[in-house]
Amino acid sequence: MTSTFADLTTMRVGGPALSLIVAESTSEVVDAVRAAGTSLLVIGGGSNLLVGDSGFDGTVVKIASSSLVVDGDRVIVDAGVEWDTVVIAALDAGLAGLEALSGIPGSTGGTPIQDVGAYGSTVSETLESVTILDRESGAVEVWDNARCGFGSHRSSAFKYTDRYVVLDVTFRLATSEMSHPVRYAALADRLGVSIGDSVPARDVRKAVLELRGERGMVLEPVDHDTWSVGSFFLNPVLTEVPDAARDAPQFDDPKGTKLSAAWLIEHAGFHRGYGAEFGAGTVSLSTRHVLAITNRGGATTADVMALAGHVRAGVQERYGITLTPECRLVNCSLG
């Protein structure tokens, strides 16, 4: 039976995979990647991936490795382990630092690629090292945090290249039942504390799951608001903010000033649920979160890209800012 990317991704769109290999251990991942040649696509949980309706005419390696070891204050995790499983394991071991990243879909191997973050935390803050396979040299290497290229918003040395395959990730956490200081205003409000306060780490997890659920950002098979890649567009980082966007929320970034993509989209006239006319009602912005483009059932990748391109053009026209997709695009583009 032919596998399709509609079966392999959280957006549930995309054409066939010519050949699918499910690698259930790190050694199987290495062997499969080394044997596959150049026409290769490596995937994990499919939560940050869009593949065109024509699919992928090559070998797809799905990483399904499953080792998770807690060793003191370190958690060593295979790339194929579901991310939220890691958060739960850390909390069960009395380790803090990942609690604000609860409920993020996808597998652990994807987290360092875009320095996954939410509610004031990022994985780079607790990531100690990454084991990678260098497809160019064929070598397996361990990279420390400094080598991974973290810094600017959602950036890393792995993000815009197929050269490196993440095999496992090691996190070093705090031995504590109390959370890292709360940094995000909405989270602090939900917890009834001030920015900078620490609370029981499990309370942070509970509050984050509530907030994510309210925004349709926790995967639910029957909830079409969760049939997405999460935030479709990156928050833009600019060296100079256009006058038209001076009222947008602004944050410091090593490469300039980061603006809120959600604010830009909403103030350019795109409301929650916008876009029902695209794909004959098969796609729209989430009814709870304008950054998510959602499959309402029966969508194609072309439908998704049409709406995404329309939204991007509207923001460009209103603010002179070109939004960049946060998800990986394979055999599809916004033009």
C-alpha atoms as a PDB file:
ATOM      1  CA  MET A   1       0.000   0.000   0.000  1.00  0.00           C
ATOM      2  CA  THR A   2       1.353   3.410  -0.982  1.00  0.00           C
ATOM      3  CA  SER A   3       1.977   5.828   1.889  1.00  0.00           C
ATOM      4  CA  THR A   4       0.977   9.445   1.416  1.00  0.00           C
ATOM      5  CA  PHE A   5       2.095  12.522   3.294  1.00  0.00           C
ATOM      6  CA  ALA A   6      -1.535  13.046   4.241  1.00  0.00           C
ATOM      7  CA  ASP A   7      -0.958  10.015   6.493  1.00  0.00           C
ATOM      8  CA  LEU A   8       2.476  11.172   7.705  1.00  0.00           C
ATOM      9  CA  THR A   9       1.897  14.831   8.631  1.00  0.00           C
ATOM     10  CA  THR A  10      -0.248  16.751  11.090  1.00  0.00           C
ATOM     11  CA  MET A  11      -1.641  18.975   8.303  1.00  0.00           C
ATOM     12  CA  ARG A  12      -2.894  15.773   6.618  1.00  0.00           C
ATOM     13  CA  VAL A  13      -2.155  16.869   3.071  1.00  0.00           C
ATOM     14  CA  GLY A  14       0.386  15.804   0.471  1.00  0.00           C
ATOM     15  CA  GLY A  15       0.898  13.197  -2.206  1.00  0.00           C
ATOM     16  CA  PRO A  16       2.558   9.775  -2.215  1.00  0.00           C
ATOM     17  CA  ALA A  17       5.945   8.731  -0.884  1.00  0.00           C
ATOM     18  CA  LEU A  18       7.647   6.539  -3.485  1.00  0.00           C
ATOM     19  CA  SER A  19       9.463   4.476  -0.848  1.00  0.00           C
ATOM     20  CA  LEU A  20       8.982   4.662   2.933  1.00  0.00           C
ATOM     21  CA  ILE A  21      11.399   3.216   5.472  1.00  0.00           C
ATOM     22  CA  VAL A  22      10.441   3.332   9.151  1.00  0.00           C
ATOM     23  CA  ALA A  23      13.694   3.276  11.143  1.00  0.00           C
ATOM     24  CA  GLU A  24      13.074   2.084  14.696  1.00  0.00           C
ATOM     25  CA  SER A  25      16.579   2.516  16.119  1.00  0.00           C
ATOM     26  CA  THR A  26      19.456   4.941  15.667  1.00  0.00           C
ATOM     27  CA  SER A  27      21.497   2.311  13.846  1.00  0.00           C
ATOM     28  CA  GLU A  28      18.604   1.729  11.443  1.00  0.00           C
ATOM     29  CA  VAL A  29      18.381   5.478  10.817  1.00  0.00           C
ATOM     30  CA  VAL A  30      22.093   5.683  10.022  1.00  0.00           C
ATOM     31  CA  ASP A  31      21.995   2.639   7.744  1.00  0.00           C
ATOM     32  CA  ALA A  32      18.897   3.827   5.892  1.00  0.00           C
ATOM     33  CA  VAL A  33      20.221   7.346   5.335  1.00  0.00           C
ATOM     34  CA  ARG A  34      23.630   6.144   4.170  1.00  0.00           C
ATOM     35  CA  ALA A  35      22.025   3.715   1.717  1.00  0.00           C
ATOM     36  CA  ALA A  36      19.409   6.067   0.321  1.00  0.00           C
ATOM     37  CA  GLY A  37      21.539   8.307  -1.888  1.00  0.00           C
ATOM     38  CA  THR A  38      20.625  11.871  -2.739  1.00  0.00           C
ATOM     39  CA  SER A  39      16.865  11.525  -3.314  1.00  0.00           C
ATOM     40  CA  LEU A  40      16.050  11.340   0.383  1.00  0.00           C
ATOM     41  CA  LEU A  41      13.607  12.984   2.751  1.00  0.00           C
ATOM     42  CA  VAL A  42      14.004  12.383   6.485  1.00  0.00           C
ATOM     43  CA  ILE A  43      10.907  13.011   8.608  1.00  0.00           C
ATOM     44  CA  GLY A  44       9.829  12.668  12.205  1.00  0.00           C
ATOM     45  CA  GLY A  45       6.362  13.424  13.520  1.00  0.00           C
ATOM     46  CA  GLY A  46       5.405  15.475  10.454  1.00  0.00           C
ATOM     47  CA  SER A  47       4.266  18.427  12.548  1.00  0.00           C
ATOM     48  CA  ASN A  48       6.350  21.025  10.713  1.00  0.00           C
ATOM     49  CA  LEU A  49       6.240  19.680   7.163  1.00  0.00           C
ATOM     50  CA  LEU A  50       4.240  20.368   4.012  1.00  0.00           C
ATOM     51  CA  VAL A  51       4.775  18.224   0.921  1.00  0.00           C
ATOM     52  CA  GLY A  52       3.249  18.977  -2.455  1.00  0.00           C
ATOM     53  CA  ASP A  53       0.347  17.077  -3.951  1.00  0.00           C
ATOM     54  CA  SER A  54       2.761  15.284  -6.287  1.00  0.00           C
ATOM     55  CA  GLY A  55       4.454  13.774  -3.223  1.00  0.00           C
ATOM     56  CA  PHE A  56       8.141  12.874  -3.088  1.00  0.00           C
ATOM     57  CA  ASP A  57       9.800  10.788  -5.802  1.00  0.00           C
ATOM     58  CA  GLY A  58      12.472   9.199  -3.641  1.00  0.00           C
ATOM     59  CA  THR A  59      13.148   7.491  -0.335  1.00  0.00           C
ATOM     60  CA  VAL A  60      11.427   8.744   2.810  1.00  0.00           C
ATOM     61  CA  VAL A  61      13.012   7.713   6.100  1.00  0.00           C
ATOM     62  CA  LYS A  62      10.686   8.128   9.054  1.00  0.00           C
ATOM     63  CA  ILE A  63      12.640   8.251  12.316  1.00  0.00           C
ATOM     64  CA  ALA A  64      10.855   6.127  14.929  1.00  0.00           C
ATOM     65  CA  SER A  65      13.729   5.482  17.364  1.00  0.00           C
ATOM     66  CA  SER A  66      12.483   5.290  20.937  1.00  0.00           C
ATOM     67  CA  SER A  67      15.206   5.334  23.616  1.00  0.00           C
ATOM     68  CA  LEU A  68      14.747   7.786  26.494  1.00  0.00           C
ATOM     69  CA  VAL A  69      17.198   7.653  29.415  1.00  0.00           C
ATOM     70  CA  VAL A  70      17.210   9.825  32.539  1.00  0.00           C
ATOM     71  CA  ASP A  71      20.710   9.984  34.023  1.00  0.00           C
ATOM     72  CA  GLY A  72      20.816  12.325  37.004  1.00  0.00           C
ATOM     73  CA  ASP A  73      19.988  15.779  35.689  1.00  0.00           C
ATOM     74  CA  ARG A  74      20.432  14.721  32.068  1.00  0.00           C
ATOM     75  CA  VAL A  75      17.777  13.339  29.732  1.00  0.00           C
ATOM     76  CA  ILE A  76      19.150  11.563  26.653  1.00  0.00           C
ATOM     77  CA  VAL A  77      16.486  11.123  23.979  1.00  0.00           C
ATOM     78  CA  ASP A  78      16.365   9.441  20.577  1.00  0.00           C
ATOM     79  CA  ALA A  79      15.196  11.647  17.736  1.00  0.00           C
ATOM     80  CA  GLY A  80      12.039   9.597  17.175  1.00  0.00           C
ATOM     81  CA  VAL A  81      10.594  10.029  20.677  1.00  0.00           C
ATOM     82  CA  GLU A  82       7.421  12.115  20.804  1.00  0.00           C
ATOM     83  CA  TRP A  83       8.346  15.462  22.328  1.00  0.00           C
ATOM     84  CA  ASP A  84       5.650  15.631  24.984  1.00  0.00           C
ATOM     85  CA  THR A  85       6.794  12.225  26.253  1.00  0.00           C
ATOM     86  CA  VAL A  86      10.127  13.880  27.079  1.00  0.00           C
ATOM     87  CA  VAL A  87       8.454  16.676  29.023  1.00  0.00           C
ATOM     88  CA  ILE A  88       6.444  14.172  31.072  1.00  0.00           C
ATOM     89  CA  ALA A  89       9.517  11.999  31.742  1.00  0.00           C
ATOM     90  CA  ALA A  90      11.473  15.007  32.987  1.00  0.00           C
ATOM     91  CA  LEU A  91       8.717  16.053  35.356  1.00  0.00           C
ATOM     92  CA  ASP A  92       8.310  12.477  36.622  1.00  0.00           C
ATOM     93  CA  ALA A  93      12.058  12.467  37.387  1.00  0.00           C
ATOM     94  CA  GLY A  94      11.824  15.710  39.370  1.00  0.00           C
ATOM     95  CA  LEU A  95      13.574  17.754  36.671  1.00  0.00           C
ATOM     96  CA  ALA A  96      12.528  21.253  35.626  1.00  0.00           C
ATOM     97  CA  GLY A  97      13.186  23.311  32.521  1.00  0.00           C
ATOM     98  CA  LEU A  98      10.941  21.803  29.838  1.00  0.00           C
ATOM     99  CA  GLU A  99       7.543  22.402  31.433  1.00  0.00           C
ATOM    100  CA  ALA A 100       6.681  25.504  29.374  1.00  0.00           C
ATOM    101  CA  LEU A 101       7.244  23.440  26.204  1.00  0.00           C
ATOM    102  CA  SER A 102       4.423  21.024  27.052  1.00  0.00           C
ATOM    103  CA  GLY A 103       1.996  19.935  24.351  1.00  0.00           C
ATOM    104  CA  ILE A 104       4.138  20.823  21.346  1.00  0.00           C
ATOM    105  CA  PRO A 105       3.501  18.192  18.646  1.00  0.00           C
ATOM    106  CA  GLY A 106       6.228  16.346  16.798  1.00  0.00           C
ATOM    107  CA  SER A 107       9.311  14.355  17.678  1.00  0.00           C
ATOM    108  CA  THR A 108      12.417  15.266  19.657  1.00  0.00           C
ATOM    109  CA  GLY A 109      14.717  15.264  16.630  1.00  0.00           C
ATOM    110  CA  GLY A 110      12.898  18.275  15.235  1.00  0.00           C
ATOM    111  CA  THR A 111      13.301  20.427  18.334  1.00  0.00           C
ATOM    112  CA  PRO A 112      16.877  21.650  17.801  1.00  0.00           C
ATOM    113  CA  ILE A 113      16.351  22.237  14.087  1.00  0.00           C
ATOM    114  CA  GLN A 114      14.203  25.315  14.656  1.00  0.00           C
ATOM    115  CA  ASP A 115      15.025  25.824  18.322  1.00  0.00           C
ATOM    116  CA  VAL A 116      11.450  25.007  19.287  1.00  0.00           C
ATOM    117  CA  GLY A 117      10.006  27.423  21.784  1.00  0.00           C
ATOM    118  CA  ALA A 118       6.814  28.545  23.482  1.00  0.00           C
ATOM    119  CA  TYR A 119       5.654  30.646  26.431  1.00  0.00           C
ATOM    120  CA  GLY A 120       9.051  32.234  26.990  1.00  0.00           C
ATOM    121  CA  SER A 121      11.176  29.060  26.760  1.00  0.00           C
ATOM    122  CA  THR A 122      13.243  27.446  24.012  1.00  0.00           C
ATOM    123  CA  VAL A 123      14.932  24.049  23.827  1.00  0.00           C
ATOM    124  CA  SER A 124      18.340  25.691  23.323  1.00  0.00           C
ATOM    125  CA  GLU A 125      18.262  26.888  26.938  1.00  0.00           C
ATOM    126  CA  THR A 126      18.480  23.337  28.268  1.00  0.00           C
ATOM    127  CA  LEU A 127      19.998  21.467  25.319  1.00  0.00           C
ATOM    128  CA  GLU A 128      23.477  20.187  26.153  1.00  0.00           C
ATOM    129  CA  SER A 129      24.379  18.297  22.980  1.00  0.00           C
ATOM    130  CA  VAL A 130      23.062  16.810  19.750  1.00  0.00           C
ATOM    131  CA  THR A 131      24.260  13.662  17.992  1.00  0.00           C
ATOM    132  CA  ILE A 132      24.084  14.098  14.230  1.00  0.00           C
ATOM    133  CA  LEU A 133      24.814  12.144  11.076  1.00  0.00           C
ATOM    134  CA  ASP A 134      26.700  14.273   8.561  1.00  0.00           C
ATOM    135  CA  ARG A 135      25.414  13.076   5.187  1.00  0.00           C
ATOM    136  CA  GLU A 136      28.319  14.727   3.386  1.00  0.00           C
ATOM    137  CA  SER A 137      31.096  12.954   5.297  1.00  0.00           C
ATOM    138  CA  GLY A 138      29.080   9.971   6.544  1.00  0.00           C
ATOM    139  CA  ALA A 139      30.356  10.623  10.077  1.00  0.00           C
ATOM    140  CA  VAL A 140      28.351  10.514  13.288  1.00  0.00           C
ATOM    141  CA  GLU A 141      29.308  13.463  15.513  1.00  0.00           C
ATOM    142  CA  VAL A 142      28.311  14.946  18.849  1.00  0.00           C
ATOM    143  CA  TRP A 143      27.838  18.722  18.777  1.00  0.00           C
ATOM    144  CA  ASP A 144      27.703  20.826  21.912  1.00  0.00           C
ATOM    145  CA  ASN A 145      25.202  23.651  22.296  1.00  0.00           C
ATOM    146  CA  ALA A 146      27.606  26.327  21.067  1.00  0.00           C
ATOM    147  CA  ARG A 147      28.112  24.581  17.740  1.00  0.00           C
ATOM    148  CA  CYS A 148      24.390  24.361  16.962  1.00  0.00           C
ATOM    149  CA  GLY A 149      24.023  27.967  15.792  1.00  0.00           C
ATOM    150  CA  PHE A 150      21.252  29.019  18.128  1.00  0.00           C
ATOM    151  CA  GLY A 151      20.598  32.689  18.782  1.00  0.00           C
ATOM    152  CA  SER A 152      18.241  34.505  16.445  1.00  0.00           C
ATOM    153  CA  HIS A 153      14.561  33.562  16.403  1.00  0.00           C
ATOM    154  CA  ARG A 154      13.999  29.901  15.411  1.00  0.00           C
ATOM    155  CA  SER A 155      17.487  29.579  13.936  1.00  0.00           C
ATOM    156  CA  SER A 156      20.064  26.789  14.040  1.00  0.00           C
ATOM    157  CA  ALA A 157      22.875  25.251  12.018  1.00  0.00           C
ATOM    158  CA  PHE A 158      20.444  22.507  10.956  1.00  0.00           C
ATOM    159  CA  LYS A 159      17.511  24.517   9.692  1.00  0.00           C
ATOM    160  CA  TYR A 160      18.072  25.282   6.026  1.00  0.00           C
ATOM    161  CA  THR A 161      20.134  22.267   5.034  1.00  0.00           C
ATOM    162  CA  ASP A 162      19.603  18.550   4.419  1.00  0.00           C
ATOM    163  CA  ARG A 163      23.206  17.801   5.325  1.00  0.00           C
ATOM    164  CA  TYR A 164      22.605  16.873   8.965  1.00  0.00           C
ATOM    165  CA  VAL A 165      20.272  14.254  10.429  1.00  0.00           C
ATOM    166  CA  VAL A 166      19.575  14.561  14.157  1.00  0.00           C
ATOM    167  CA  LEU A 167      19.969  11.174  15.867  1.00  0.00           C
ATOM    168  CA  ASP A 168      19.549  12.040  19.543  1.00  0.00           C
ATOM    169  CA  VAL A 169      19.446  15.018  21.878  1.00  0.00           C
ATOM    170  CA  THR A 170      20.726  15.445  25.437  1.00  0.00           C
ATOM    171  CA  PHE A 171      19.123  17.950  27.793  1.00  0.00           C
ATOM    172  CA  ARG A 172      20.559  19.100  31.104  1.00  0.00           C
ATOM    173  CA  LEU A 173      17.844  20.198  33.501  1.00  0.00           C
ATOM    174  CA  ALA A 174      17.432  21.519  37.029  1.00  0.00           C
ATOM    175  CA  THR A 175      16.808  19.021  39.815  1.00  0.00           C
ATOM    176  CA  SER A 176      13.759  20.773  41.191  1.00  0.00           C
ATOM    177  CA  GLU A 177      10.016  20.470  41.532  1.00  0.00           C
ATOM    178  CA  MET A 178       9.808  24.219  40.888  1.00  0.00           C
ATOM    179  CA  SER A 179       9.667  25.681  37.404  1.00  0.00           C
ATOM    180  CA  HIS A 180      12.127  27.901  35.674  1.00  0.00           C
ATOM    181  CA  PRO A 181      11.103  31.564  36.163  1.00  0.00           C
ATOM    182  CA  VAL A 182       7.868  32.340  34.314  1.00  0.00           C
ATOM    183  CA  ARG A 183       8.620  34.772  31.473  1.00  0.00           C
ATOM    184  CA  TYR A 184       5.464  34.953  29.390  1.00  0.00           C
ATOM    185  CA  ALA A 185       2.697  37.365  30.353  1.00  0.00           C
ATOM    186  CA  ALA A 186      -0.255  35.167  29.374  1.00  0.00           C
ATOM    187  CA  LEU A 187       1.230  32.244  31.283  1.00  0.00           C
ATOM    188  CA  ALA A 188       1.906  34.370  34.351  1.00  0.00           C
ATOM    189  CA  ASP A 189      -1.691  35.653  34.225  1.00  0.00           C
ATOM    190  CA  ARG A 190      -3.071  32.126  33.969  1.00  0.00           C
ATOM    191  CA  LEU A 191      -0.968  31.051  36.963  1.00  0.00           C
ATOM    192  CA  GLY A 192      -1.800  34.195  38.953  1.00  0.00           C
ATOM    193  CA  VAL A 193       1.879  35.098  39.451  1.00  0.00           C
ATOM    194  CA  SER A 194       4.285  37.804  38.341  1.00  0.00           C
ATOM    195  CA  ILE A 195       6.849  37.598  35.569  1.00  0.00           C
ATOM    196  CA  GLY A 196       9.996  36.052  37.041  1.00  0.00           C
ATOM    197  CA  ASP A 197       8.217  33.959  39.668  1.00  0.00           C
ATOM    198  CA  SER A 198       8.716  30.189  39.976  1.00  0.00           C
ATOM    199  CA  VAL A 199       5.858  27.842  40.711  1.00  0.00           C
ATOM    200  CA  PRO A 200       5.518  24.051  40.824  1.00  0.00           C
ATOM    201  CA  ALA A 201       6.637  22.819  37.409  1.00  0.00           C
ATOM    202  CA  ARG A 202       3.540  20.642  37.030  1.00  0.00           C
ATOM    203  CA  ASP A 203       1.372  23.746  37.458  1.00  0.00           C
ATOM    204  CA  VAL A 204       3.195  25.340  34.521  1.00  0.00           C
ATOM    205  CA  ARG A 205       2.554  22.257  32.402  1.00  0.00           C
ATOM    206  CA  LYS A 206      -1.141  22.275  33.272  1.00  0.00           C
ATOM    207  CA  ALA A 207      -1.487  25.975  32.461  1.00  0.00           C
ATOM    208  CA  VAL A 208       0.421  25.655  29.185  1.00  0.00           C
ATOM    209  CA  LEU A 209      -1.740  22.742  28.046  1.00  0.00           C
ATOM    210  CA  GLU A 210      -4.844  24.785  28.844  1.00  0.00           C
ATOM    211  CA  LEU A 211      -3.546  27.778  26.882  1.00  0.00           C
ATOM    212  CA  ARG A 212      -2.468  25.675  23.923  1.00  0.00           C
ATOM    213  CA  GLY A 213      -5.778  23.822  23.914  1.00  0.00           C
ATOM    214  CA  GLU A 214      -7.712  27.081  23.844  1.00  0.00           C
ATOM    215  CA  ARG A 215      -5.730  28.100  20.764  1.00  0.00           C
ATOM    216  CA  GLY A 216      -6.144  24.786  18.967  1.00  0.00           C
ATOM    217  CA  MET A 217      -2.449  23.996  19.361  1.00  0.00           C
ATOM    218  CA  VAL A 218      -2.739  20.546  20.953  1.00  0.00           C
ATOM    219  CA  LEU A 219      -3.372  17.784  18.422  1.00  0.00           C
ATOM    220  CA  GLU A 220      -6.881  16.344  18.560  1.00  0.00           C
ATOM    221  CA  PRO A 221      -8.028  13.984  15.768  1.00  0.00           C
ATOM    222  CA  VAL A 222     -11.594  15.324  15.771  1.00  0.00           C
ATOM    223  CA  ASP A 223     -10.650  19.027  15.999  1.00  0.00           C
ATOM    224  CA  HIS A 224      -9.869  20.534  12.587  1.00  0.00           C
ATOM    225  CA  ASP A 225      -8.339  23.599  14.237  1.00  0.00           C
ATOM    226  CA  THR A 226      -5.440  21.279  15.140  1.00  0.00           C
ATOM    227  CA  TRP A 227      -4.976  19.931  11.602  1.00  0.00           C
ATOM    228  CA  SER A 228      -2.095  22.282  10.903  1.00  0.00           C
ATOM    229  CA  VAL A 229       1.658  22.748  11.105  1.00  0.00           C
ATOM    230  CA  GLY A 230       1.207  25.001  14.128  1.00  0.00           C
ATOM    231  CA  SER A 231       2.340  28.536  13.398  1.00  0.00           C
ATOM    232  CA  PHE A 232       2.601  28.729   9.618  1.00  0.00           C
ATOM    233  CA  PHE A 233       4.699  31.915   9.496  1.00  0.00           C
ATOM    234  CA  LEU A 234       7.753  32.966  11.459  1.00  0.00           C
ATOM    235  CA  ASN A 235       7.775  36.137  13.492  1.00  0.00           C
ATOM    236  CA  PRO A 236       9.805  38.398  11.167  1.00  0.00           C
ATOM    237  CA  VAL A 237      13.143  39.742  12.381  1.00  0.00           C
ATOM    238  CA  LEU A 238      13.965  43.106  10.805  1.00  0.00           C
ATOM    239  CA  THR A 239      16.924  45.460  10.903  1.00  0.00           C
ATOM    240  CA  GLU A 240      14.486  48.346  10.513  1.00  0.00           C
ATOM    241  CA  VAL A 241      10.783  48.391  11.379  1.00  0.00           C
ATOM    242  CA  PRO A 242       8.594  50.082   8.713  1.00  0.00           C
ATOM    243  CA  ASP A 243       6.566  53.057   9.927  1.00  0.00           C
ATOM    244  CA  ALA A 244       3.348  51.216   9.034  1.00  0.00           C
ATOM    245  CA  ALA A 245       4.240  48.479  11.547  1.00  0.00           C
ATOM    246  CA  ARG A 246       5.479  50.675  14.385  1.00  0.00           C
ATOM    247  CA  ASP A 247       2.512  49.685  16.596  1.00  0.00           C
ATOM    248  CA  ALA A 248       3.212  45.972  16.279  1.00  0.00           C
ATOM    249  CA  PRO A 249       4.579  44.191  19.367  1.00  0.00           C
ATOM    250  CA  GLN A 250       8.385  44.321  19.174  1.00  0.00           C
ATOM    251  CA  PHE A 251      11.054  42.176  20.813  1.00  0.00           C
ATOM    252  CA  ASP A 252      14.845  42.297  20.822  1.00  0.00           C
ATOM    253  CA  ASP A 253      16.657  39.728  18.696  1.00  0.00           C
ATOM    254  CA  PRO A 254      20.393  39.266  17.993  1.00  0.00           C
ATOM    255  CA  LYS A 255      19.706  40.107  14.342  1.00  0.00           C
ATOM    256  CA  GLY A 256      17.424  43.092  14.877  1.00  0.00           C
ATOM    257  CA  THR A 257      13.840  43.527  16.015  1.00  0.00           C
ATOM    258  CA  LYS A 258      11.323  40.689  16.084  1.00  0.00           C
ATOM    259  CA  LEU A 259       7.699  41.519  15.308  1.00  0.00           C
ATOM    260  CA  SER A 260       4.577  39.494  15.999  1.00  0.00           C
ATOM    261  CA  ALA A 261       3.461  37.755  12.806  1.00  0.00           C
ATOM    262  CA  ALA A 262       0.042  37.139  14.360  1.00  0.00           C
ATOM    263  CA  TRP A 263      -0.428  40.886  14.967  1.00  0.00           C
ATOM    264  CA  LEU A 264       0.601  41.701  11.389  1.00  0.00           C
ATOM    265  CA  ILE A 265      -1.784  39.100   9.953  1.00  0.00           C
ATOM    266  CA  GLU A 266      -4.740  40.162  12.078  1.00  0.00           C
ATOM    267  CA  HIS A 267      -4.211  43.881  11.504  1.00  0.00           C
ATOM    268  CA  ALA A 268      -3.871  43.296   7.758  1.00  0.00           C
ATOM    269  CA  GLY A 269      -7.498  42.150   7.829  1.00  0.00           C
ATOM    270  CA  PHE A 270      -7.270  38.394   8.298  1.00  0.00           C
ATOM    271  CA  HIS A 271      -9.468  37.290  11.168  1.00  0.00           C
ATOM    272  CA  ARG A 272      -9.769  33.919  12.880  1.00  0.00           C
ATOM    273  CA  GLY A 273     -11.532  31.501  10.570  1.00  0.00           C
ATOM    274  CA  TYR A 274     -10.696  33.597   7.503  1.00  0.00           C
ATOM    275  CA  GLY A 275     -10.437  31.887   4.127  1.00  0.00           C
ATOM    276  CA  ALA A 276     -13.393  29.535   3.881  1.00  0.00           C
ATOM    277  CA  GLU A 277     -13.654  30.391   0.175  1.00  0.00           C
ATOM    278  CA  PHE A 278     -10.271  28.784  -0.511  1.00  0.00           C
ATOM    279  CA  GLY A 279     -10.401  25.153  -1.623  1.00  0.00           C
ATOM    280  CA  ALA A 280     -14.212  25.198  -1.488  1.00  0.00           C
ATOM    281  CA  GLY A 281     -14.131  25.421   2.289  1.00  0.00           C
ATOM    282  CA  THR A 282     -11.379  22.858   2.823  1.00  0.00           C
ATOM    283  CA  VAL A 283      -8.916  25.331   4.404  1.00  0.00           C
ATOM    284  CA  SER A 284      -9.049  28.409   6.615  1.00  0.00           C
ATOM    285  CA  LEU A 285      -7.150  30.186   9.312  1.00  0.00           C
ATOM    286  CA  SER A 286      -7.808  28.535  12.641  1.00  0.00           C
ATOM    287  CA  THR A 287     -10.952  29.753  14.373  1.00  0.00           C
ATOM    288  CA  ARG A 288      -8.778  30.303  17.458  1.00  0.00           C
ATOM    289  CA  HIS A 289      -5.368  31.398  16.200  1.00  0.00           C
ATOM    290  CA  VAL A 290      -4.579  33.441  13.055  1.00  0.00           C
ATOM    291  CA  LEU A 291      -1.050  32.038  12.727  1.00  0.00           C
ATOM    292  CA  ALA A 292      -2.352  28.545  11.983  1.00  0.00           C
ATOM    293  CA  ILE A 293      -3.622  27.575   8.535  1.00  0.00           C
ATOM    294  CA  THR A 294      -5.875  24.567   8.984  1.00  0.00           C
ATOM    295  CA  ASN A 295      -7.192  21.662   6.941  1.00  0.00           C
ATOM    296  CA  ARG A 296     -10.956  21.623   7.457  1.00  0.00           C
ATOM    297  CA  GLY A 297     -11.183  18.196   5.793  1.00  0.00           C
ATOM    298  CA  GLY A 298     -10.289  17.155   2.263  1.00  0.00           C
ATOM    299  CA  ALA A 299      -7.761  19.919   1.646  1.00  0.00           C
ATOM    300  CA  THR A 300      -4.899  19.639  -0.804  1.00  0.00           C
ATOM    301  CA  THR A 301      -1.460  21.161  -0.429  1.00  0.00           C
ATOM    302  CA  ALA A 302      -2.388  23.519  -3.250  1.00  0.00           C
ATOM    303  CA  ASP A 303      -5.370  24.732  -1.195  1.00  0.00           C
ATOM    304  CA  VAL A 304      -3.118  25.388   1.811  1.00  0.00           C
ATOM    305  CA  MET A 305      -0.526  27.232  -0.259  1.00  0.00           C
ATOM    306  CA  ALA A 306      -3.159  29.361  -1.970  1.00  0.00           C
ATOM    307  CA  LEU A 307      -4.437  30.645   1.368  1.00  0.00           C
ATOM    308  CA  ALA A 308      -0.921  31.090   2.749  1.00  0.00           C
ATOM    309  CA  GLY A 309       0.112  33.061  -0.319  1.00  0.00           C
ATOM    310  CA  HIS A 310      -2.991  35.236  -0.069  1.00  0.00           C
ATOM    311  CA  VAL A 311      -2.285  36.050   3.581  1.00  0.00           C
ATOM    312  CA  ARG A 312       1.379  36.757   2.898  1.00  0.00           C
ATOM    313  CA  ALA A 313       0.472  39.087   0.020  1.00  0.00           C
ATOM    314  CA  GLY A 314      -1.971  40.966   2.235  1.00  0.00           C
ATOM    315  CA  VAL A 315       0.644  41.546   4.933  1.00  0.00           C
ATOM    316  CA  GLN A 316       3.178  42.608   2.290  1.00  0.00           C
ATOM    317  CA  GLU A 317       0.724  45.107   0.822  1.00  0.00           C
ATOM    318  CA  ARG A 318      -0.253  46.567   4.215  1.00  0.00           C
ATOM    319  CA  TYR A 319       3.140  46.653   5.933  1.00  0.00           C
ATOM    320  CA  GLY A 320       5.842  46.048   3.323  1.00  0.00           C
ATOM    321  CA  ILE A 321       6.942  42.952   5.247  1.00  0.00           C
ATOM    322  CA  THR A 322       7.278  39.551   3.575  1.00  0.00           C
ATOM    323  CA  LEU A 323       6.439  36.723   5.946  1.00  0.00           C
ATOM    324  CA  THR A 324       8.485  33.513   5.778  1.00  0.00           C
ATOM    325  CA  PRO A 325       6.973  30.053   6.350  1.00  0.00           C
ATOM    326  CA  GLU A 326       8.075  28.445   9.612  1.00  0.00           C
ATOM    327  CA  CYS A 327       7.349  24.942   8.326  1.00  0.00           C
ATOM    328  CA  ARG A 328       9.477  23.032   5.845  1.00  0.00           C
ATOM    329  CA  LEU A 329       8.134  23.061   2.286  1.00  0.00           C
ATOM    330  CA  VAL A 330       8.933  20.142  -0.035  1.00  0.00           C
ATOM    331  CA  ASN A 331       7.801  20.219  -3.682  1.00  0.00           C
ATOM    332  CA  CYS A 332       5.580  23.209  -2.989  1.00  0.00           C
ATOM    333  CA  SER A 333       6.188  26.923  -2.604  1.00  0.00           C
ATOM    334  CA  LEU A 334       4.571  30.297  -2.095  1.00  0.00           C
ATOM    335  CA  GLY A 335       6.154  31.590  -5.293  1.00  0.00           C
END
